[in-house]
Amino acid sequence: MSHASITSVTFDGVPAMELSAGGYRAVIAHGVGSNVVELSRPAEGLNFLRTPDNGETLRQKSQRYGIPPLFPPNRILDGKFSTPYRQYDLPLNSSDGLHFMHGILHKRPWKVKSERILDNVAAELVLLMEMGREGEMYPYFPHEFTYELTYTLSERGLEQQVRITNLSSDPMPLGVGFHTALRVPFADGGREEDYRLAISVGKEWDLTPLFVSTGKQLPLDETDKPLRGEGIAPTGAPYAKHFTSSPMERSGKPFHGSVLTDTKRNISLVYETDPKYGHWTVWNDDGKSGFICPEPQTWTNNAPNVPLPDEMTGFQLLEPGRSWSAWTRMYAEIG
């Protein structure tokens, strides 16, 4: 068995790190948003993520490829909300000019804090974003904080640990998510029609035409009930919905996450998530672009403005000096 390795590389001119361990290869472009632009098992011809064609596409449309970190995730209508401590007025950066969308961390360069090989069998990479008073975000999000991403690649797949620390003197709004773009098909020679997607969804969030939560939760409709069982077709027709998370049973245990399966080859990509990610956005653009995004989020879309208790929306404040962490794990099940 080959030893684990970490190599400094470039992704079409974008600084990146390549991790290899346990039969997996991961490429993380820390130069643009710490985007995981590749997770593959080369020996089996499996390539799980939607990889951008070039560095310019990554820079311009990073939210549509790989696994970019969103802080805060999804939309804040009009870019405005308030807490007991202050009013926030965020820039309207969505294509329709109506939302603050996805934050800005997914397009910024991150620092490589550390890299190490663990017992020759695992590769660990720690990436760091330091948001200080001089940063472009500070005028409208006046909090000093650090956001640390630890990736560990091994035969267990790709494990991710988020750690956010509030260094400011006021409680800081905390919303975390990932715009995870999975390739369909992910197997060489695979066919889209053979793929099924299952997700631990609970209820559907009712959405306005601007894709923000109305505050109503609806039972799953007949077309979405299979999400908790055999799965739905991930592509073919446009799909864009938003759900609460609720564990489903898998292998006799409670499971939070998504499973994308090639039913002909009996290969699954399992994306296991921390229960702290209490909401999902599921999106495939036009349904004809060869990908599906099961996006774990800690809060619902536009959470700071949804008139429901925080425990329902996922809105939370991180106290000064405190840290918050959560994990995910992505791995293949073959046969």
Foldseek 3Di string as FASTA:
>chain_A
DAFWDKDFDDFQNATWIWIDFQQWIWIFRLSFQRFGQWIARVVQQFTWWAHDPHDVCCQPPVLQTGKGKFWAAAWAFQQWFDDPVGIFHDAQDDPVSGTDHRHRSRGHHWAFPDWDGDPRGKIKTKIKDWDDCPDPCCVRQVWTKMWIWIWMAGSLFIKIKIKIATAGQFWGKGKIKIFTKTFQVRHVVADLVQKFKAAQFAWWFDADPVRAGQQDTHHDDPQCPCSLPVGHRLFDAWDWTKGFGDFHDDPRDTFHFMWMARNVQGKIKTKGWFVLQGMWIWGDDGRPPRIITTMGMNFGHSLSPHPDDCVVGSIDTHHHRDMDMIMMGIHMDGD
